[in-house]
Amino acid sequence: MIKITRSVFPSTRLGLRLLAAALLLGSGIMYRSLSAWRQDIADDPIKLTIPLQEFPLEVGIWSGVDVPIPDNVKEYMKKN
């Protein structure tokens, strides 16, 4: 019969704590690097293949309605 003593548990707990710390640190580094990469992509404006005015208002069974954009929204979008 194998007898497990209490001296095994502190080293196991330490190992688990170090593993948890390493995982948290690694995930934080990965998050920051991916968010910086994503921001680089977000800084580039999206180039449309056709202007929105030429986009059809009917696609299959869906039909759209042209909604005017309020002036305050236009001003905000120009600034930002």
Protein backbone atom coordinates (compact mmCIF):
# COMPACT_ATOMS: atom_id res chain seq x y z
CA MET A 1 0.00 0.00 0.00
CA ILE A 2 1.31 3.47 -0.96
CA LYS A 3 1.12 6.12 1.68
CA ILE A 4 0.86 9.74 0.56
CA THR A 5 2.27 12.22 2.99
CA ARG A 6 1.39 15.87 3.40
CA SER A 7 4.79 16.95 2.07
CA VAL A 8 3.65 16.15 -1.51
CA PHE A 9 0.80 18.66 -1.47
CA PRO A 10 2.74 21.93 -0.94
CA SER A 11 4.94 21.32 -3.99
CA THR A 12 1.88 20.38 -6.06
CA ARG A 13 0.10 23.54 -4.97
CA LEU A 14 3.16 25.61 -5.81
CA GLY A 15 3.33 24.02 -9.24
CA LEU A 16 -0.35 24.74 -9.85
CA ARG A 17 0.07 28.33 -8.72
CA LEU A 18 3.05 28.81 -11.03
CA LEU A 19 1.12 27.24 -13.89
CA ALA A 20 -1.87 29.53 -13.26
CA ALA A 21 0.41 32.59 -13.09
CA ALA A 22 2.13 31.57 -16.34
CA LEU A 23 -1.22 31.08 -18.08
CA LEU A 24 -2.48 34.48 -16.91
CA LEU A 25 0.72 36.20 -17.96
CA GLY A 26 0.77 34.44 -21.33
CA SER A 27 -2.86 35.24 -22.06
CA GLY A 28 -2.28 38.90 -21.14
CA ILE A 29 0.68 39.12 -23.50
CA MET A 30 -1.30 37.43 -26.27
CA TYR A 31 -4.26 39.77 -25.74
CA ARG A 32 -2.09 42.89 -25.92
CA SER A 33 -0.27 41.75 -29.05
CA LEU A 34 -3.49 40.75 -30.82
CA SER A 35 -5.27 43.97 -29.85
CA ALA A 36 -2.34 46.02 -31.20
CA TRP A 37 -2.47 44.02 -34.44
CA ARG A 38 -6.24 44.50 -34.63
CA GLN A 39 -5.87 48.25 -34.08
CA ASP A 40 -3.42 48.42 -37.01
CA ILE A 41 -6.07 46.81 -39.19
CA ALA A 42 -8.82 49.09 -37.83
CA ASP A 43 -6.80 52.21 -38.69
CA ASP A 44 -7.01 51.39 -42.41
CA PRO A 45 -10.28 52.64 -43.90
CA ILE A 46 -12.52 50.12 -45.62
CA LYS A 47 -12.62 50.66 -49.36
CA LEU A 48 -15.99 49.84 -50.87
CA THR A 49 -16.14 48.27 -54.32
CA ILE A 50 -19.25 50.32 -55.17
CA PRO A 51 -20.60 53.51 -53.60
CA LEU A 52 -23.45 53.03 -51.12
CA GLN A 53 -25.74 55.09 -53.37
CA GLU A 54 -25.46 52.35 -55.99
CA PHE A 55 -26.25 49.53 -53.56
CA PRO A 56 -29.62 47.99 -54.48
CA LEU A 57 -32.59 48.62 -52.18
CA GLU A 58 -34.01 45.20 -53.05
CA VAL A 59 -32.06 41.96 -52.65
CA GLY A 60 -34.12 38.82 -53.06
CA ILE A 61 -37.14 39.10 -50.78
CA TRP A 62 -35.50 41.81 -48.66
CA SER A 63 -36.33 45.40 -49.44
CA GLY A 64 -34.61 48.38 -47.84
CA VAL A 65 -35.57 51.97 -47.21
CA ASP A 66 -33.29 54.97 -47.63
CA VAL A 67 -33.07 56.67 -44.24
CA PRO A 68 -31.56 60.16 -44.01
CA ILE A 69 -28.66 60.63 -41.61
CA PRO A 70 -29.22 63.43 -39.07
CA ASP A 71 -26.86 66.42 -39.28
CA ASN A 72 -25.45 65.89 -35.77
CA VAL A 73 -24.44 62.34 -36.71
CA LYS A 74 -22.76 63.59 -39.89
CA GLU A 75 -20.78 66.17 -37.88
CA TYR A 76 -19.73 63.56 -35.34
CA MET A 77 -18.60 61.15 -38.05
CA LYS A 78 -16.52 63.86 -39.77
CA LYS A 79 -14.68 64.60 -36.51
CA ASN A 80 -14.13 60.98 -35.58
